């Protein structure tokens, strides 16, 4: 019997997990790495899950409807692309404010989906970097001016973001690994995916270790990468230091679920991206590369011999070709330990 879908909204989720056996062999890894390939979602990233959940949960509560509501969000990344795609598929208007560091490819995708790109004053955007997460509310308030029925999707503190991954991503990992997952690796942007997945997995198997990927602070500031104002680490940032959670830790993130925080350099990120493309034919984005690099370092340890490590890989590298993500940089990667 044939199968014709009614909308791209029916295609979200059930992304594949692939074990990187050639990579394991070439690097002589002791642990196993199986990546959750989220770019198989219809709009190309793990943000598809939360965008759809936020919209449909609000619809079920009677808070929004396509005939009157304009969805509003402030983001530089895949959330915007996902919201724009599903707003189009469901008939909503979508107004987006862009943070610094948006790649050329993602900007063009937003234009393709005909999202309204707001002209946000530079001082408001600067406030986000000066004040941290709390300043996002100032930007959203500005963007809502003049909109008759605005609905802020609030990716940073919306529990539906967490629910998307607790209800779907976590269970998929559990089912596809037959409950054999030992270590889960993820970065933190909005905090929803790491929180939702970790909560589900730890309820099923309390001994599952959750490792949080964090970019080296000096790399974010000093990395000179063509087209990448934020140092290339799209979608993730530091959320933990010696004093606890940082001001950039979103409300959606639950540090109690994390067992370990690992800093990763941009050179290690690039090395992981290039090795995966070379040996597995899989080309991922920078945040995915960072979590893969952490997974590789974990798999090198004798204590993790035979353990199954699952990094969440949010998107693919095609969204960052304008930043030369595909180019091997020997001067950066020669001293990487894998």
C-alpha atoms as a PDB file:
ATOM      1  CA  UNK A   1       0.000   0.000   0.000  1.00  0.00           C
ATOM      2  CA  UNK A   2       1.272   3.466  -0.850  1.00  0.00           C
ATOM      3  CA  UNK A   3       1.882   6.201   1.665  1.00  0.00           C
ATOM      4  CA  UNK A   4       1.269   9.875   0.945  1.00  0.00           C
ATOM      5  CA  UNK A   5       1.846  12.273   3.824  1.00  0.00           C
ATOM      6  CA  UNK A   6      -0.407  15.262   4.434  1.00  0.00           C
ATOM      7  CA  UNK A   7       2.304  17.658   5.623  1.00  0.00           C
ATOM      8  CA  UNK A   8       5.994  17.840   6.493  1.00  0.00           C
ATOM      9  CA  UNK A   9       4.849  18.026  10.110  1.00  0.00           C
ATOM     10  CA  UNK A  10       4.229  14.271   9.884  1.00  0.00           C
ATOM     11  CA  UNK A  11       7.888  13.644   9.048  1.00  0.00           C
ATOM     12  CA  UNK A  12       9.453  14.939  12.256  1.00  0.00           C
ATOM     13  CA  UNK A  13      11.365  12.459  14.404  1.00  0.00           C
ATOM     14  CA  UNK A  14      12.398   8.817  14.103  1.00  0.00           C
ATOM     15  CA  UNK A  15      15.840   9.922  12.938  1.00  0.00           C
ATOM     16  CA  UNK A  16      18.442   7.168  12.583  1.00  0.00           C
ATOM     17  CA  UNK A  17      21.237   6.215  14.962  1.00  0.00           C
ATOM     18  CA  UNK A  18      24.361   5.061  13.134  1.00  0.00           C
ATOM     19  CA  UNK A  19      27.356   3.382  14.742  1.00  0.00           C
ATOM     20  CA  UNK A  20      30.593   4.787  13.346  1.00  0.00           C
ATOM     21  CA  UNK A  21      32.419   1.484  12.951  1.00  0.00           C
ATOM     22  CA  UNK A  22      35.023   2.641  10.452  1.00  0.00           C
ATOM     23  CA  UNK A  23      35.821   5.630  12.646  1.00  0.00           C
ATOM     24  CA  UNK A  24      36.161   3.349  15.668  1.00  0.00           C
ATOM     25  CA  UNK A  25      38.519   1.091  13.733  1.00  0.00           C
ATOM     26  CA  UNK A  26      40.667   3.870  12.257  1.00  0.00           C
ATOM     27  CA  UNK A  27      41.104   5.592  15.635  1.00  0.00           C
ATOM     28  CA  UNK A  28      41.467   2.374  17.624  1.00  0.00           C
ATOM     29  CA  UNK A  29      38.676   3.418  19.967  1.00  0.00           C
ATOM     30  CA  UNK A  30      37.855   1.343  23.036  1.00  0.00           C
ATOM     31  CA  UNK A  31      34.250   2.475  23.308  1.00  0.00           C
ATOM     32  CA  UNK A  32      31.516   2.419  20.672  1.00  0.00           C
ATOM     33  CA  UNK A  33      30.056   5.617  19.179  1.00  0.00           C
ATOM     34  CA  UNK A  34      26.585   5.710  17.646  1.00  0.00           C
ATOM     35  CA  UNK A  35      25.462   9.156  16.498  1.00  0.00           C
ATOM     36  CA  UNK A  36      21.853  10.354  16.512  1.00  0.00           C
ATOM     37  CA  UNK A  37      21.565  11.993  13.075  1.00  0.00           C
ATOM     38  CA  UNK A  38      19.056  14.796  13.586  1.00  0.00           C
ATOM     39  CA  UNK A  39      19.550  16.363  10.159  1.00  0.00           C
ATOM     40  CA  UNK A  40      17.150  13.701   8.848  1.00  0.00           C
ATOM     41  CA  UNK A  41      14.300  15.820  10.219  1.00  0.00           C
ATOM     42  CA  UNK A  42      12.419  17.598   7.377  1.00  0.00           C
ATOM     43  CA  UNK A  43      13.746  21.110   8.061  1.00  0.00           C
ATOM     44  CA  UNK A  44      17.204  19.754   8.758  1.00  0.00           C
ATOM     45  CA  UNK A  45      17.881  19.783  12.496  1.00  0.00           C
ATOM     46  CA  UNK A  46      16.832  18.647  15.978  1.00  0.00           C
ATOM     47  CA  UNK A  47      15.062  22.011  16.383  1.00  0.00           C
ATOM     48  CA  UNK A  48      12.264  20.655  14.175  1.00  0.00           C
ATOM     49  CA  UNK A  49      11.092  18.645  17.174  1.00  0.00           C
ATOM     50  CA  UNK A  50      10.735  21.564  19.551  1.00  0.00           C
ATOM     51  CA  UNK A  51       9.352  23.968  16.957  1.00  0.00           C
ATOM     52  CA  UNK A  52       6.535  21.569  16.104  1.00  0.00           C
ATOM     53  CA  UNK A  53       5.863  20.695  19.750  1.00  0.00           C
ATOM     54  CA  UNK A  54       5.704  24.357  20.789  1.00  0.00           C
ATOM     55  CA  UNK A  55       3.277  25.215  17.986  1.00  0.00           C
ATOM     56  CA  UNK A  56       1.009  22.193  18.378  1.00  0.00           C
ATOM     57  CA  UNK A  57       0.928  22.336  22.181  1.00  0.00           C
ATOM     58  CA  UNK A  58      -0.102  26.000  21.996  1.00  0.00           C
ATOM     59  CA  UNK A  59      -2.781  25.076  19.448  1.00  0.00           C
ATOM     60  CA  UNK A  60      -4.155  22.381  21.747  1.00  0.00           C
ATOM     61  CA  UNK A  61      -4.354  24.907  24.596  1.00  0.00           C
ATOM     62  CA  UNK A  62      -6.257  27.287  22.329  1.00  0.00           C
ATOM     63  CA  UNK A  63      -3.555  29.958  22.571  1.00  0.00           C
ATOM     64  CA  UNK A  64      -2.871  30.349  18.848  1.00  0.00           C
ATOM     65  CA  UNK A  65      -4.465  29.837  15.458  1.00  0.00           C
ATOM     66  CA  UNK A  66      -3.091  30.457  11.947  1.00  0.00           C
ATOM     67  CA  UNK A  67      -5.866  32.869  11.001  1.00  0.00           C
ATOM     68  CA  UNK A  68      -4.780  35.476  13.563  1.00  0.00           C
ATOM     69  CA  UNK A  69      -1.467  34.613  15.278  1.00  0.00           C
ATOM     70  CA  UNK A  70       2.029  35.794  14.357  1.00  0.00           C
ATOM     71  CA  UNK A  71       4.761  33.609  15.860  1.00  0.00           C
ATOM     72  CA  UNK A  72       7.743  35.579  17.213  1.00  0.00           C
ATOM     73  CA  UNK A  73      11.250  34.363  18.093  1.00  0.00           C
ATOM     74  CA  UNK A  74      14.784  35.736  18.517  1.00  0.00           C
ATOM     75  CA  UNK A  75      17.495  33.326  17.375  1.00  0.00           C
ATOM     76  CA  UNK A  76      20.549  32.935  15.176  1.00  0.00           C
ATOM     77  CA  UNK A  77      20.096  29.312  14.430  1.00  0.00           C
ATOM     78  CA  UNK A  78      18.152  26.250  13.489  1.00  0.00           C
ATOM     79  CA  UNK A  79      15.192  27.189  15.674  1.00  0.00           C
ATOM     80  CA  UNK A  80      14.431  29.994  13.250  1.00  0.00           C
ATOM     81  CA  UNK A  81      14.615  27.728  10.214  1.00  0.00           C
ATOM     82  CA  UNK A  82      12.397  25.110  11.863  1.00  0.00           C
ATOM     83  CA  UNK A  83       9.837  27.674  13.047  1.00  0.00           C
ATOM     84  CA  UNK A  84       9.771  29.279   9.592  1.00  0.00           C
ATOM     85  CA  UNK A  85       9.212  25.913   7.886  1.00  0.00           C
ATOM     86  CA  UNK A  86       6.395  24.773  10.165  1.00  0.00           C
ATOM     87  CA  UNK A  87       4.798  28.215  10.281  1.00  0.00           C
ATOM     88  CA  UNK A  88       4.615  28.020   6.478  1.00  0.00           C
ATOM     89  CA  UNK A  89       3.274  24.448   6.565  1.00  0.00           C
ATOM     90  CA  UNK A  90       0.566  25.400   9.061  1.00  0.00           C
ATOM     91  CA  UNK A  91      -0.306  28.837   7.674  1.00  0.00           C
ATOM     92  CA  UNK A  92       1.160  31.092  10.375  1.00  0.00           C
ATOM     93  CA  UNK A  93       3.039  34.333   9.952  1.00  0.00           C
ATOM     94  CA  UNK A  94       6.501  34.201  11.518  1.00  0.00           C
ATOM     95  CA  UNK A  95       8.588  37.165  12.660  1.00  0.00           C
ATOM     96  CA  UNK A  96      12.214  36.499  13.549  1.00  0.00           C
ATOM     97  CA  UNK A  97      14.955  38.603  15.070  1.00  0.00           C
ATOM     98  CA  UNK A  98      18.484  37.468  14.261  1.00  0.00           C
ATOM     99  CA  UNK A  99      21.370  37.262  16.684  1.00  0.00           C
ATOM    100  CA  UNK A 100      24.935  37.848  15.533  1.00  0.00           C
ATOM    101  CA  UNK A 101      26.667  34.938  13.854  1.00  0.00           C
ATOM    102  CA  UNK A 102      23.880  33.600  11.634  1.00  0.00           C
ATOM    103  CA  UNK A 103      25.360  31.724   8.687  1.00  0.00           C
ATOM    104  CA  UNK A 104      24.624  32.808   5.113  1.00  0.00           C
ATOM    105  CA  UNK A 105      22.883  29.518   4.420  1.00  0.00           C
ATOM    106  CA  UNK A 106      20.459  29.849   7.326  1.00  0.00           C
ATOM    107  CA  UNK A 107      19.651  33.444   6.406  1.00  0.00           C
ATOM    108  CA  UNK A 108      18.779  32.342   2.879  1.00  0.00           C
ATOM    109  CA  UNK A 109      16.626  29.509   4.201  1.00  0.00           C
ATOM    110  CA  UNK A 110      14.631  32.002   6.272  1.00  0.00           C
ATOM    111  CA  UNK A 111      14.156  34.091   3.146  1.00  0.00           C
ATOM    112  CA  UNK A 112      13.051  31.007   1.214  1.00  0.00           C
ATOM    113  CA  UNK A 113      10.352  30.264   3.804  1.00  0.00           C
ATOM    114  CA  UNK A 114       9.345  33.964   3.582  1.00  0.00           C
ATOM    115  CA  UNK A 115       9.770  34.675   7.282  1.00  0.00           C
ATOM    116  CA  UNK A 116       9.612  38.334   8.305  1.00  0.00           C
ATOM    117  CA  UNK A 117      13.094  39.301   9.465  1.00  0.00           C
ATOM    118  CA  UNK A 118      12.818  42.024  12.108  1.00  0.00           C
ATOM    119  CA  UNK A 119      15.145  45.007  12.223  1.00  0.00           C
ATOM    120  CA  UNK A 120      16.349  44.704  15.827  1.00  0.00           C
ATOM    121  CA  UNK A 121      18.452  47.632  17.120  1.00  0.00           C
ATOM    122  CA  UNK A 122      22.110  46.800  17.661  1.00  0.00           C
ATOM    123  CA  UNK A 123      22.038  47.927  21.278  1.00  0.00           C
ATOM    124  CA  UNK A 124      19.359  45.361  22.093  1.00  0.00           C
ATOM    125  CA  UNK A 125      21.370  42.586  20.466  1.00  0.00           C
ATOM    126  CA  UNK A 126      24.486  43.757  22.296  1.00  0.00           C
ATOM    127  CA  UNK A 127      22.525  43.568  25.549  1.00  0.00           C
ATOM    128  CA  UNK A 128      22.110  39.827  25.109  1.00  0.00           C
ATOM    129  CA  UNK A 129      25.873  39.352  25.228  1.00  0.00           C
ATOM    130  CA  UNK A 130      26.322  41.819  28.094  1.00  0.00           C
ATOM    131  CA  UNK A 131      23.441  40.679  30.331  1.00  0.00           C
ATOM    132  CA  UNK A 132      23.049  37.063  29.294  1.00  0.00           C
ATOM    133  CA  UNK A 133      19.870  35.072  28.745  1.00  0.00           C
ATOM    134  CA  UNK A 134      17.644  37.511  30.650  1.00  0.00           C
ATOM    135  CA  UNK A 135      18.096  40.166  27.932  1.00  0.00           C
ATOM    136  CA  UNK A 136      16.223  38.025  25.387  1.00  0.00           C
ATOM    137  CA  UNK A 137      12.956  39.258  26.908  1.00  0.00           C
ATOM    138  CA  UNK A 138      13.854  42.842  25.959  1.00  0.00           C
ATOM    139  CA  UNK A 139      14.322  41.845  22.333  1.00  0.00           C
ATOM    140  CA  UNK A 140      11.067  39.875  22.181  1.00  0.00           C
ATOM    141  CA  UNK A 141       9.150  42.794  23.706  1.00  0.00           C
ATOM    142  CA  UNK A 142      10.558  45.101  21.031  1.00  0.00           C
ATOM    143  CA  UNK A 143       9.680  42.653  18.244  1.00  0.00           C
ATOM    144  CA  UNK A 144       6.090  42.291  19.416  1.00  0.00           C
ATOM    145  CA  UNK A 145       5.392  46.016  19.009  1.00  0.00           C
ATOM    146  CA  UNK A 146       2.919  46.629  16.200  1.00  0.00           C
ATOM    147  CA  UNK A 147       1.982  42.953  15.884  1.00  0.00           C
ATOM    148  CA  UNK A 148      -1.747  42.464  16.452  1.00  0.00           C
ATOM    149  CA  UNK A 149      -1.698  38.941  17.890  1.00  0.00           C
ATOM    150  CA  UNK A 150       1.918  38.012  18.686  1.00  0.00           C
ATOM    151  CA  UNK A 151       2.881  34.718  20.307  1.00  0.00           C
ATOM    152  CA  UNK A 152       6.440  34.403  21.532  1.00  0.00           C
ATOM    153  CA  UNK A 153       7.633  30.833  21.169  1.00  0.00           C
ATOM    154  CA  UNK A 154      10.193  31.428  23.980  1.00  0.00           C
ATOM    155  CA  UNK A 155      12.610  28.669  23.069  1.00  0.00           C
ATOM    156  CA  UNK A 156      14.808  29.312  26.131  1.00  0.00           C
ATOM    157  CA  UNK A 157      12.186  28.853  28.829  1.00  0.00           C
ATOM    158  CA  UNK A 158       9.322  27.029  27.141  1.00  0.00           C
ATOM    159  CA  UNK A 159       8.692  23.620  28.765  1.00  0.00           C
ATOM    160  CA  UNK A 160       7.301  22.335  25.461  1.00  0.00           C
ATOM    161  CA  UNK A 161      10.885  22.488  24.182  1.00  0.00           C
ATOM    162  CA  UNK A 162      11.907  19.994  26.865  1.00  0.00           C
ATOM    163  CA  UNK A 163       8.769  17.917  26.315  1.00  0.00           C
ATOM    164  CA  UNK A 164       9.570  17.428  22.634  1.00  0.00           C
ATOM    165  CA  UNK A 165      12.757  15.575  23.542  1.00  0.00           C
ATOM    166  CA  UNK A 166      11.396  13.842  26.626  1.00  0.00           C
ATOM    167  CA  UNK A 167       8.456  12.478  24.622  1.00  0.00           C
ATOM    168  CA  UNK A 168      10.296  11.587  21.432  1.00  0.00           C
ATOM    169  CA  UNK A 169      14.101  11.944  21.165  1.00  0.00           C
ATOM    170  CA  UNK A 170      14.885  10.177  24.447  1.00  0.00           C
ATOM    171  CA  UNK A 171      12.540   7.261  23.769  1.00  0.00           C
ATOM    172  CA  UNK A 172      13.935   6.882  20.243  1.00  0.00           C
ATOM    173  CA  UNK A 173      17.487   6.591  21.595  1.00  0.00           C
ATOM    174  CA  UNK A 174      16.348   4.110  24.222  1.00  0.00           C
ATOM    175  CA  UNK A 175      14.414   1.952  21.772  1.00  0.00           C
ATOM    176  CA  UNK A 176      16.967   2.026  18.950  1.00  0.00           C
ATOM    177  CA  UNK A 177      19.799   1.004  21.296  1.00  0.00           C
ATOM    178  CA  UNK A 178      17.625  -1.609  23.052  1.00  0.00           C
ATOM    179  CA  UNK A 179      18.372   0.242  26.285  1.00  0.00           C
ATOM    180  CA  UNK A 180      22.109  -0.375  25.890  1.00  0.00           C
ATOM    181  CA  UNK A 181      23.113   3.307  25.848  1.00  0.00           C
ATOM    182  CA  UNK A 182      25.760   3.967  28.511  1.00  0.00           C
ATOM    183  CA  UNK A 183      26.759   7.584  27.845  1.00  0.00           C
ATOM    184  CA  UNK A 184      24.773  10.409  26.279  1.00  0.00           C
ATOM    185  CA  UNK A 185      26.630  13.463  24.925  1.00  0.00           C
ATOM    186  CA  UNK A 186      24.979  16.769  24.058  1.00  0.00           C
ATOM    187  CA  UNK A 187      25.618  20.488  23.907  1.00  0.00           C
ATOM    188  CA  UNK A 188      23.479  23.260  25.343  1.00  0.00           C
ATOM    189  CA  UNK A 189      21.892  26.029  23.321  1.00  0.00           C
ATOM    190  CA  UNK A 190      18.332  26.340  24.596  1.00  0.00           C
ATOM    191  CA  UNK A 191      18.842  23.374  26.932  1.00  0.00           C
ATOM    192  CA  UNK A 192      15.727  21.554  25.770  1.00  0.00           C
ATOM    193  CA  UNK A 193      17.261  18.561  23.994  1.00  0.00           C
ATOM    194  CA  UNK A 194      19.836  17.747  26.659  1.00  0.00           C
ATOM    195  CA  UNK A 195      17.304  18.176  29.469  1.00  0.00           C
ATOM    196  CA  UNK A 196      14.535  16.174  27.808  1.00  0.00           C
ATOM    197  CA  UNK A 197      16.725  13.313  26.588  1.00  0.00           C
ATOM    198  CA  UNK A 198      18.694  13.058  29.843  1.00  0.00           C
ATOM    199  CA  UNK A 199      15.557  13.078  31.989  1.00  0.00           C
ATOM    200  CA  UNK A 200      14.029  10.237  30.001  1.00  0.00           C
ATOM    201  CA  UNK A 201      17.188   8.115  29.856  1.00  0.00           C
ATOM    202  CA  UNK A 202      17.944   8.491  33.557  1.00  0.00           C
ATOM    203  CA  UNK A 203      14.402   7.482  34.449  1.00  0.00           C
ATOM    204  CA  UNK A 204      14.903   4.328  32.409  1.00  0.00           C
ATOM    205  CA  UNK A 205      18.486   3.665  33.472  1.00  0.00           C
ATOM    206  CA  UNK A 206      19.830   5.846  36.317  1.00  0.00           C
ATOM    207  CA  UNK A 207      23.436   4.837  35.634  1.00  0.00           C
ATOM    208  CA  UNK A 208      23.396   6.443  32.163  1.00  0.00           C
ATOM    209  CA  UNK A 209      26.116   9.105  32.211  1.00  0.00           C
ATOM    210  CA  UNK A 210      25.283  12.521  30.747  1.00  0.00           C
ATOM    211  CA  UNK A 211      28.215  14.544  29.416  1.00  0.00           C
ATOM    212  CA  UNK A 212      27.747  18.184  28.415  1.00  0.00           C
ATOM    213  CA  UNK A 213      29.847  19.616  25.581  1.00  0.00           C
ATOM    214  CA  UNK A 214      31.153  23.147  26.164  1.00  0.00           C
ATOM    215  CA  UNK A 215      33.252  25.252  23.742  1.00  0.00           C
ATOM    216  CA  UNK A 216      36.557  26.520  25.052  1.00  0.00           C
ATOM    217  CA  UNK A 217      35.838  30.152  26.063  1.00  0.00           C
ATOM    218  CA  UNK A 218      39.014  31.481  24.489  1.00  0.00           C
ATOM    219  CA  UNK A 219      38.138  29.767  21.200  1.00  0.00           C
ATOM    220  CA  UNK A 220      34.758  31.496  21.031  1.00  0.00           C
ATOM    221  CA  UNK A 221      36.449  34.849  21.521  1.00  0.00           C
ATOM    222  CA  UNK A 222      39.606  34.389  19.488  1.00  0.00           C
ATOM    223  CA  UNK A 223      38.842  31.847  16.778  1.00  0.00           C
ATOM    224  CA  UNK A 224      39.280  33.497  13.391  1.00  0.00           C
ATOM    225  CA  UNK A 225      36.910  31.542  11.209  1.00  0.00           C
ATOM    226  CA  UNK A 226      35.631  32.999   7.965  1.00  0.00           C
ATOM    227  CA  UNK A 227      31.990  34.018   8.325  1.00  0.00           C
ATOM    228  CA  UNK A 228      31.649  32.841  11.928  1.00  0.00           C
ATOM    229  CA  UNK A 229      31.367  35.785  14.290  1.00  0.00           C
ATOM    230  CA  UNK A 230      30.830  33.507  17.286  1.00  0.00           C
ATOM    231  CA  UNK A 231      33.979  31.464  16.684  1.00  0.00           C
ATOM    232  CA  UNK A 232      32.130  28.776  14.760  1.00  0.00           C
ATOM    233  CA  UNK A 233      30.323  27.137  17.682  1.00  0.00           C
ATOM    234  CA  UNK A 234      26.801  27.664  16.372  1.00  0.00           C
ATOM    235  CA  UNK A 235      24.073  26.505  18.709  1.00  0.00           C
ATOM    236  CA  UNK A 236      26.064  25.737  21.871  1.00  0.00           C
ATOM    237  CA  UNK A 237      27.729  27.773  24.584  1.00  0.00           C
ATOM    238  CA  UNK A 238      29.301  27.414  27.996  1.00  0.00           C
ATOM    239  CA  UNK A 239      26.742  26.835  30.745  1.00  0.00           C
ATOM    240  CA  UNK A 240      28.942  25.708  33.618  1.00  0.00           C
ATOM    241  CA  UNK A 241      32.108  26.896  35.333  1.00  0.00           C
ATOM    242  CA  UNK A 242      33.810  26.298  38.657  1.00  0.00           C
ATOM    243  CA  UNK A 243      31.201  28.459  40.383  1.00  0.00           C
ATOM    244  CA  UNK A 244      28.252  26.565  38.940  1.00  0.00           C
ATOM    245  CA  UNK A 245      25.900  27.537  36.151  1.00  0.00           C
ATOM    246  CA  UNK A 246      26.824  30.643  34.148  1.00  0.00           C
ATOM    247  CA  UNK A 247      24.507  33.531  33.197  1.00  0.00           C
ATOM    248  CA  UNK A 248      24.116  31.917  29.748  1.00  0.00           C
ATOM    249  CA  UNK A 249      22.458  28.802  31.171  1.00  0.00           C
ATOM    250  CA  UNK A 250      18.863  28.821  29.863  1.00  0.00           C
ATOM    251  CA  UNK A 251      15.902  28.044  32.090  1.00  0.00           C
ATOM    252  CA  UNK A 252      15.252  24.895  30.065  1.00  0.00           C
ATOM    253  CA  UNK A 253      18.571  23.380  31.100  1.00  0.00           C
ATOM    254  CA  UNK A 254      18.694  21.251  34.254  1.00  0.00           C
ATOM    255  CA  UNK A 255      22.233  20.970  35.568  1.00  0.00           C
ATOM    256  CA  UNK A 256      21.144  18.290  38.060  1.00  0.00           C
ATOM    257  CA  UNK A 257      20.875  15.842  35.167  1.00  0.00           C
ATOM    258  CA  UNK A 258      24.463  16.410  34.025  1.00  0.00           C
ATOM    259  CA  UNK A 259      27.276  14.200  35.297  1.00  0.00           C
ATOM    260  CA  UNK A 260      30.218  15.834  33.550  1.00  0.00           C
ATOM    261  CA  UNK A 261      31.099  18.998  31.626  1.00  0.00           C
ATOM    262  CA  UNK A 262      33.817  18.766  28.969  1.00  0.00           C
ATOM    263  CA  UNK A 263      35.458  21.707  27.203  1.00  0.00           C
ATOM    264  CA  UNK A 264      36.298  21.155  23.551  1.00  0.00           C
ATOM    265  CA  UNK A 265      38.429  23.274  21.255  1.00  0.00           C
ATOM    266  CA  UNK A 266      37.464  24.402  17.778  1.00  0.00           C
ATOM    267  CA  UNK A 267      40.443  22.480  16.406  1.00  0.00           C
ATOM    268  CA  UNK A 268      39.101  19.272  17.976  1.00  0.00           C
ATOM    269  CA  UNK A 269      35.661  20.079  16.587  1.00  0.00           C
ATOM    270  CA  UNK A 270      37.005  20.475  13.059  1.00  0.00           C
ATOM    271  CA  UNK A 271      39.065  17.306  13.348  1.00  0.00           C
ATOM    272  CA  UNK A 272      36.000  15.292  14.395  1.00  0.00           C
ATOM    273  CA  UNK A 273      33.929  16.744  11.534  1.00  0.00           C
ATOM    274  CA  UNK A 274      36.578  15.908   8.950  1.00  0.00           C
ATOM    275  CA  UNK A 275      37.206  12.388  10.270  1.00  0.00           C
ATOM    276  CA  UNK A 276      33.489  11.575  10.220  1.00  0.00           C
ATOM    277  CA  UNK A 277      33.150  12.808   6.656  1.00  0.00           C
ATOM    278  CA  UNK A 278      36.270  10.948   5.550  1.00  0.00           C
ATOM    279  CA  UNK A 279      35.510   7.577   7.139  1.00  0.00           C
ATOM    280  CA  UNK A 280      31.707   7.480   7.394  1.00  0.00           C
ATOM    281  CA  UNK A 281      30.473   9.734   4.589  1.00  0.00           C
ATOM    282  CA  UNK A 282      28.616  11.870   7.119  1.00  0.00           C
ATOM    283  CA  UNK A 283      29.174  15.648   7.138  1.00  0.00           C
ATOM    284  CA  UNK A 284      27.903  17.369  10.284  1.00  0.00           C
ATOM    285  CA  UNK A 285      27.797  20.934  11.598  1.00  0.00           C
ATOM    286  CA  UNK A 286      30.006  22.497  14.249  1.00  0.00           C
ATOM    287  CA  UNK A 287      27.870  21.809  17.323  1.00  0.00           C
ATOM    288  CA  UNK A 288      27.572  18.191  16.194  1.00  0.00           C
ATOM    289  CA  UNK A 289      31.318  18.069  15.609  1.00  0.00           C
ATOM    290  CA  UNK A 290      31.952  19.353  19.118  1.00  0.00           C
ATOM    291  CA  UNK A 291      29.827  16.620  20.711  1.00  0.00           C
ATOM    292  CA  UNK A 292      31.385  14.017  18.430  1.00  0.00           C
ATOM    293  CA  UNK A 293      34.845  15.174  19.535  1.00  0.00           C
ATOM    294  CA  UNK A 294      33.808  14.696  23.169  1.00  0.00           C
ATOM    295  CA  UNK A 295      32.450  11.241  22.310  1.00  0.00           C
ATOM    296  CA  UNK A 296      35.756  10.310  20.651  1.00  0.00           C
ATOM    297  CA  UNK A 297      37.746  11.391  23.709  1.00  0.00           C
ATOM    298  CA  UNK A 298      35.438   9.373  25.931  1.00  0.00           C
ATOM    299  CA  UNK A 299      35.775   6.341  23.653  1.00  0.00           C
ATOM    300  CA  UNK A 300      39.577   6.537  23.920  1.00  0.00           C
ATOM    301  CA  UNK A 301      39.444   5.845  27.660  1.00  0.00           C
ATOM    302  CA  UNK A 302      40.008   2.348  28.974  1.00  0.00           C
ATOM    303  CA  UNK A 303      37.219   2.847  31.523  1.00  0.00           C
ATOM    304  CA  UNK A 304      34.753   3.131  28.640  1.00  0.00           C
ATOM    305  CA  UNK A 305      35.844   0.006  26.782  1.00  0.00           C
ATOM    306  CA  UNK A 306      32.816  -1.672  25.223  1.00  0.00           C
ATOM    307  CA  UNK A 307      30.439   1.086  26.341  1.00  0.00           C
ATOM    308  CA  UNK A 308      27.920   2.593  23.928  1.00  0.00           C
ATOM    309  CA  UNK A 309      28.282   6.370  23.619  1.00  0.00           C
ATOM    310  CA  UNK A 310      25.494   8.295  21.872  1.00  0.00           C
ATOM    311  CA  UNK A 311      26.208  11.900  20.854  1.00  0.00           C
ATOM    312  CA  UNK A 312      23.281  14.000  19.643  1.00  0.00           C
ATOM    313  CA  UNK A 313      24.291  15.447  16.259  1.00  0.00           C
ATOM    314  CA  UNK A 314      21.955  18.425  15.616  1.00  0.00           C
ATOM    315  CA  UNK A 315      22.500  19.236  11.931  1.00  0.00           C
ATOM    316  CA  UNK A 316      24.736  18.751   8.907  1.00  0.00           C
ATOM    317  CA  UNK A 317      27.598  20.789   7.545  1.00  0.00           C
ATOM    318  CA  UNK A 318      25.814  22.058   4.443  1.00  0.00           C
ATOM    319  CA  UNK A 319      24.501  25.001   6.501  1.00  0.00           C
ATOM    320  CA  UNK A 320      28.040  26.230   7.118  1.00  0.00           C
ATOM    321  CA  UNK A 321      29.827  25.833   3.787  1.00  0.00           C
ATOM    322  CA  UNK A 322      30.189  29.618   3.604  1.00  0.00           C
ATOM    323  CA  UNK A 323      32.430  29.335   6.689  1.00  0.00           C
ATOM    324  CA  UNK A 324      34.696  26.774   4.993  1.00  0.00           C
ATOM    325  CA  UNK A 325      33.754  24.171   7.578  1.00  0.00           C
ATOM    326  CA  UNK A 326      34.586  21.510   4.999  1.00  0.00           C
ATOM    327  CA  UNK A 327      38.223  22.547   4.610  1.00  0.00           C
ATOM    328  CA  UNK A 328      40.878  20.670   6.577  1.00  0.00           C
ATOM    329  CA  UNK A 329      43.122  23.115   8.440  1.00  0.00           C
ATOM    330  CA  UNK A 330      46.392  21.285   9.244  1.00  0.00           C
ATOM    331  CA  UNK A 331      47.719  24.252  11.207  1.00  0.00           C
ATOM    332  CA  UNK A 332      44.776  23.976  13.618  1.00  0.00           C
ATOM    333  CA  UNK A 333      44.314  20.224  13.718  1.00  0.00           C
ATOM    334  CA  UNK A 334      47.862  18.851  13.850  1.00  0.00           C
ATOM    335  CA  UNK A 335      48.067  18.742  17.658  1.00  0.00           C
ATOM    336  CA  UNK A 336      44.642  17.261  18.294  1.00  0.00           C
ATOM    337  CA  UNK A 337      44.847  14.066  20.325  1.00  0.00           C
ATOM    338  CA  UNK A 338      42.834  11.842  17.992  1.00  0.00           C
END
